[in-house]
Amino acid sequence: MEHVQRHLDNVEVTLDDGTQLSGDLLVAADGTHSPIGHQCHIQWQKMPYHQVAVIANVKTEIDPKGCAFERFTQFGPLAMLPMSEGRSSLVWCHPIEKLEQVSQWDDQTTIAQLQRDFGWRLGKIEQVGQRHCYPLVLQKAQQMISHRLALIGNASQTLHPIAGQGFNLGLRDVMTLANTLTSAIQSGLDIGSYRVLSQYQQLREQDRESTITITDGLVKVFANRCMPLIISRNLGLMTMELVPALRNKLAHQTLGWTN
């Protein structure tokens, strides 16, 4: 995409091969650094976490068989998310000041450090693929909509990967926008109008804010090394494990099972 031009009753997009497209509404689903959002003068609030995430594919001795795992190290979460062929997708958080050190680890060092932090739940870590590192920032668009524009997913908000809530939140953006546009079409309304788009933004506001608050709170709780907080945190996790009603309530919120 090279250029976006919004008019009163439509929006036009010019692609890098010169192709021009037009429609009633443009949806920005182009990620954290959203070129569409920048071209349309969207403003984002940003709060750095002073952490870096290491992303890689990992092969383990034991097939995860669809199970996801998350460990909380002294510096932040370490997640292993199931993939095909016995592989897992790794998200491993480190302090930002360790970025250079972690980036220079060879495969053998990475496997040894990962085995130490993750443990042996999936047996021996046999292989780790190419690593990518990026700084972790809470980023939130001040508005999810603009003239003939709607933001969804990471273009609207980018969360810390703890608990994997960014993906779930993005899916709920998509579902809400799709339902809103379907209702507008059935009612004969202009899907790019402020009336329709403001309804989408209003429907997403509560879920968006509560999920961001929960995720940000988890980061602060699990990255803090204050001993009284560590004890309270561990007691809270034990209580959650022993009291299904509390565990189910948290799952209800994080899975997005809302009306």
Protein backbone atom coordinates (compact mmCIF):
# COMPACT_ATOMS: atom_id res chain seq x y z
CA MET A 1 0.00 0.00 0.00
CA GLU A 2 1.40 3.35 -1.09
CA HIS A 3 -1.31 5.89 -0.41
CA VAL A 4 -4.70 6.33 1.28
CA GLN A 5 -7.12 9.06 0.33
CA ARG A 6 -10.40 9.45 2.19
CA HIS A 7 -13.33 11.31 0.70
CA LEU A 8 -16.73 12.24 2.07
CA ASP A 9 -18.47 9.14 0.74
CA ASN A 10 -15.66 6.63 0.03
CA VAL A 11 -12.00 5.78 0.56
CA GLU A 12 -9.35 5.06 -2.09
CA VAL A 13 -6.17 3.02 -1.68
CA THR A 14 -3.23 2.95 -4.10
CA LEU A 15 -1.07 -0.20 -3.99
CA ASP A 16 2.67 -0.32 -4.68
CA ASP A 17 2.03 -1.72 -8.18
CA GLY A 18 -0.19 1.21 -9.06
CA THR A 19 -3.48 -0.61 -8.59
CA GLN A 20 -6.23 1.59 -7.16
CA LEU A 21 -9.02 0.24 -4.98
CA SER A 22 -12.02 2.03 -3.55
CA GLY A 23 -14.71 1.20 -1.03
CA ASP A 24 -16.96 2.50 1.71
CA LEU A 25 -14.64 1.52 4.56
CA LEU A 26 -10.95 0.81 5.12
CA VAL A 27 -10.01 -1.65 7.88
CA ALA A 28 -6.52 -1.32 9.34
CA ALA A 29 -5.41 -4.85 10.23
CA ASP A 30 -1.74 -4.27 9.47
CA GLY A 31 -0.17 -4.74 12.88
CA THR A 32 1.58 -2.76 15.58
CA HIS A 33 3.26 -0.18 13.38
CA SER A 34 0.16 0.14 11.13
CA PRO A 35 1.18 2.08 7.98
CA ILE A 36 -2.52 2.66 7.33
CA GLY A 37 -2.97 4.16 10.77
CA HIS A 38 0.02 6.46 10.30
CA GLN A 39 -1.24 7.65 6.93
CA CYS A 40 -4.62 8.40 8.49
CA HIS A 41 -3.01 10.35 11.38
CA ILE A 42 -3.97 7.90 14.15
CA GLN A 43 -2.29 8.65 17.49
CA TRP A 44 -1.17 5.91 19.88
CA GLN A 45 -0.39 5.96 23.59
CA LYS A 46 2.79 3.98 24.33
CA MET A 47 4.19 2.58 27.57
CA PRO A 48 7.44 0.56 27.43
CA TYR A 49 7.80 -2.48 29.70
CA HIS A 50 11.62 -2.43 29.62
CA GLN A 51 11.53 -6.05 28.51
CA VAL A 52 12.40 -7.83 25.27
CA ALA A 53 10.65 -10.91 23.89
CA VAL A 54 12.62 -13.71 22.24
CA ILE A 55 10.54 -15.51 19.59
CA ALA A 56 11.52 -18.87 18.07
CA ASN A 57 10.25 -22.31 17.10
CA VAL A 58 11.35 -25.09 19.43
CA LYS A 59 11.43 -28.89 19.05
CA THR A 60 11.04 -30.91 22.24
CA GLU A 61 11.45 -34.58 23.11
CA ILE A 62 7.78 -34.85 24.13
CA ASP A 63 5.05 -33.75 21.73
CA PRO A 64 2.98 -30.97 23.39
CA LYS A 65 -0.17 -32.48 21.80
CA GLY A 66 -2.05 -29.21 21.70
CA CYS A 67 -1.11 -28.09 25.22
CA ALA A 68 0.25 -24.62 25.93
CA PHE A 69 2.63 -23.98 28.83
CA GLU A 70 3.61 -20.81 30.63
CA ARG A 71 6.29 -20.36 33.27
CA PHE A 72 6.99 -17.21 35.28
CA THR A 73 10.72 -16.61 35.60
CA GLN A 74 12.34 -13.93 37.75
CA PHE A 75 12.26 -11.54 34.77
CA GLY A 76 8.88 -12.32 33.22
CA PRO A 77 6.84 -15.01 31.47
CA LEU A 78 8.07 -17.83 29.27
CA ALA A 79 5.41 -19.42 27.06
CA MET A 80 5.50 -22.50 24.82
CA LEU A 81 2.55 -22.61 22.41
CA PRO A 82 1.81 -25.85 20.50
CA MET A 83 2.45 -26.13 16.76
CA SER A 84 2.49 -29.03 14.31
CA GLU A 85 5.02 -31.90 14.16
CA GLY A 86 5.84 -31.78 17.87
CA ARG A 87 7.05 -28.20 17.75
CA SER A 88 6.21 -25.25 19.98
CA SER A 89 6.32 -21.50 19.44
CA LEU A 90 8.48 -19.86 22.10
CA VAL A 91 7.84 -16.44 23.66
CA TRP A 92 10.53 -15.75 26.26
CA CYS A 93 10.80 -12.43 28.10
CA HIS A 94 14.07 -10.88 29.30
CA PRO A 95 15.07 -7.48 30.72
CA ILE A 96 15.80 -4.97 27.97
CA GLU A 97 19.36 -4.56 29.26
CA LYS A 98 20.02 -8.25 28.41
CA LEU A 99 19.06 -7.80 24.75
CA GLU A 100 22.62 -7.73 23.43
CA GLN A 101 23.66 -10.72 25.54
CA VAL A 102 20.65 -12.84 24.58
CA SER A 103 21.00 -11.91 20.91
CA GLN A 104 24.55 -13.32 20.88
CA TRP A 105 23.67 -16.74 22.34
CA ASP A 106 24.37 -19.66 20.02
CA ASP A 107 21.95 -22.60 19.74
CA GLN A 108 23.67 -24.62 22.48
CA THR A 109 23.61 -21.74 24.98
CA THR A 110 19.99 -20.89 24.13
CA ILE A 111 18.88 -24.50 24.63
CA ALA A 112 20.71 -24.76 27.97
CA GLN A 113 19.25 -21.51 29.30
CA LEU A 114 15.77 -22.38 28.03
CA GLN A 115 15.91 -25.86 29.58
CA ARG A 116 16.85 -24.27 32.90
CA ASP A 117 14.02 -21.72 32.83
CA PHE A 118 11.29 -23.92 31.31
CA GLY A 119 12.08 -27.23 32.99
CA TRP A 120 11.45 -30.78 31.77
CA ARG A 121 7.67 -30.88 31.30
CA LEU A 122 8.22 -31.54 27.58
CA GLY A 123 11.39 -33.54 28.11
CA LYS A 124 14.66 -32.52 26.51
CA ILE A 125 14.68 -29.43 24.32
CA GLU A 126 16.19 -30.85 21.14
CA GLN A 127 16.29 -27.93 18.74
CA VAL A 128 15.68 -24.19 18.64
CA GLY A 129 15.13 -22.29 15.41
CA GLN A 130 16.14 -18.79 14.37
CA ARG A 131 15.56 -16.26 17.15
CA HIS A 132 13.95 -12.86 16.77
CA CYS A 133 13.90 -10.22 19.50
CA TYR A 134 11.66 -7.21 19.89
CA PRO A 135 11.01 -4.73 22.72
CA LEU A 136 7.72 -5.06 24.59
CA VAL A 137 5.47 -2.02 24.68
CA LEU A 138 1.84 -1.44 25.62
CA GLN A 139 0.46 0.53 22.69
CA LYS A 140 -3.13 1.71 22.41
CA ALA A 141 -4.75 3.82 19.70
CA GLN A 142 -6.51 6.82 21.15
CA GLN A 143 -9.43 6.08 18.84
CA MET A 144 -10.35 2.76 17.19
CA ILE A 145 -12.10 4.63 14.39
CA SER A 146 -11.63 7.65 12.16
CA HIS A 147 -13.33 8.90 9.01
CA ARG A 148 -14.11 5.74 6.97
CA LEU A 149 -11.49 3.84 8.95
CA ALA A 150 -11.69 1.09 11.59
CA LEU A 151 -8.72 -0.37 13.48
CA ILE A 152 -8.60 -3.99 14.62
CA GLY A 153 -6.08 -6.25 16.36
CA ASN A 154 -2.55 -4.99 16.94
CA ALA A 155 -3.21 -1.90 14.83
CA SER A 156 -5.66 -0.87 17.55
CA GLN A 157 -3.80 -2.20 20.59
CA THR A 158 -0.59 -4.14 21.18
CA LEU A 159 -0.37 -5.94 24.52
CA HIS A 160 2.37 -7.70 26.44
CA PRO A 161 2.37 -11.41 25.43
CA ILE A 162 1.69 -12.57 29.00
CA ALA A 163 -1.38 -14.87 28.99
CA GLY A 164 -1.71 -14.47 25.19
CA GLN A 165 -4.51 -11.93 25.41
CA GLY A 166 -3.54 -9.76 22.43
CA PHE A 167 -4.57 -12.44 19.93
CA ASN A 168 -7.88 -13.13 21.70
CA LEU A 169 -8.65 -9.43 21.86
CA GLY A 170 -7.93 -9.04 18.15
CA LEU A 171 -10.29 -11.89 17.30
CA ARG A 172 -13.05 -10.20 19.27
CA ASP A 173 -12.36 -6.96 17.38
CA VAL A 174 -12.90 -8.86 14.11
CA MET A 175 -16.11 -10.54 15.28
CA THR A 176 -17.58 -7.31 16.64
CA LEU A 177 -16.75 -5.35 13.51
CA ALA A 178 -18.16 -8.09 11.27
CA ASN A 179 -21.41 -8.22 13.26
CA THR A 180 -21.70 -4.42 13.28
CA LEU A 181 -21.19 -4.15 9.52
CA THR A 182 -23.62 -7.00 8.84
CA SER A 183 -26.32 -5.28 10.88
CA ALA A 184 -25.62 -1.97 9.11
CA ILE A 185 -25.94 -3.56 5.67
CA GLN A 186 -29.19 -5.25 6.64
CA SER A 187 -30.50 -1.88 7.81
CA GLY A 188 -29.42 -0.12 4.64
CA LEU A 189 -26.82 2.05 6.41
CA ASP A 190 -23.50 3.33 5.09
CA ILE A 191 -20.92 1.00 6.67
CA GLY A 192 -18.28 3.74 6.65
CA SER A 193 -20.44 6.31 8.40
CA TYR A 194 -19.59 7.69 11.82
CA ARG A 195 -22.89 6.29 13.15
CA VAL A 196 -21.90 2.72 12.30
CA LEU A 197 -18.22 2.99 13.26
CA SER A 198 -18.95 4.65 16.58
CA GLN A 199 -21.19 1.71 17.42
CA TYR A 200 -18.27 -0.66 16.77
CA GLN A 201 -15.99 1.41 19.00
CA GLN A 202 -18.58 1.58 21.77
CA LEU A 203 -19.13 -2.19 21.69
CA ARG A 204 -15.39 -2.85 22.00
CA GLU A 205 -14.60 -0.27 24.69
CA GLN A 206 -15.34 -2.22 27.88
CA ASP A 207 -13.71 -5.49 26.76
CA ARG A 208 -10.70 -3.63 25.38
CA GLU A 209 -10.07 -1.59 28.52
CA SER A 210 -10.61 -4.47 30.95
CA THR A 211 -8.33 -6.83 29.00
CA ILE A 212 -5.59 -4.19 28.77
CA THR A 213 -5.91 -3.54 32.52
CA ILE A 214 -5.74 -7.26 33.39
CA THR A 215 -2.76 -7.88 31.12
CA ASP A 216 -0.85 -4.84 32.35
CA GLY A 217 -1.58 -5.86 35.95
CA LEU A 218 -0.26 -9.38 35.36
CA VAL A 219 2.98 -7.97 33.96
CA LYS A 220 3.50 -5.78 37.01
CA VAL A 221 2.68 -8.61 39.43
CA PHE A 222 4.83 -11.32 37.84
CA ALA A 223 7.83 -9.13 37.02
CA ASN A 224 8.07 -7.72 40.55
CA ARG A 225 10.71 -9.29 42.82
CA CYS A 226 9.36 -7.85 46.09
CA MET A 227 9.19 -10.83 48.48
CA PRO A 228 5.79 -10.00 50.10
CA LEU A 229 4.31 -9.65 46.61
CA ILE A 230 5.89 -12.95 45.51
CA ILE A 231 4.32 -14.71 48.51
CA SER A 232 0.93 -13.11 47.84
CA ARG A 233 1.17 -13.98 44.16
CA ASN A 234 1.94 -17.63 44.88
CA LEU A 235 -0.90 -17.84 47.39
CA GLY A 236 -3.21 -16.34 44.79
CA LEU A 237 -2.20 -18.94 42.21
CA MET A 238 -2.73 -21.75 44.74
CA THR A 239 -6.16 -20.36 45.61
CA MET A 240 -7.05 -20.17 41.92
CA GLU A 241 -6.05 -23.81 41.51
CA LEU A 242 -8.08 -24.96 44.53
CA VAL A 243 -11.22 -22.86 43.95
CA PRO A 244 -12.76 -23.70 40.55
CA ALA A 245 -15.23 -20.81 40.73
CA LEU A 246 -12.41 -18.25 40.80
CA ARG A 247 -10.48 -20.05 38.09
CA ASN A 248 -13.56 -20.24 35.87
CA LYS A 249 -14.32 -16.55 36.36
CA LEU A 250 -10.81 -15.60 35.21
CA ALA A 251 -11.05 -17.99 32.27
CA HIS A 252 -14.43 -16.49 31.33
CA GLN A 253 -12.84 -13.05 31.08
CA THR A 254 -9.60 -14.00 29.35
CA LEU A 255 -11.32 -16.26 26.81
CA GLY A 256 -13.71 -13.49 25.91
CA TRP A 257 -16.91 -15.35 26.73
CA THR A 258 -18.91 -12.18 27.03
CA ASN A 259 -22.33 -11.17 25.83
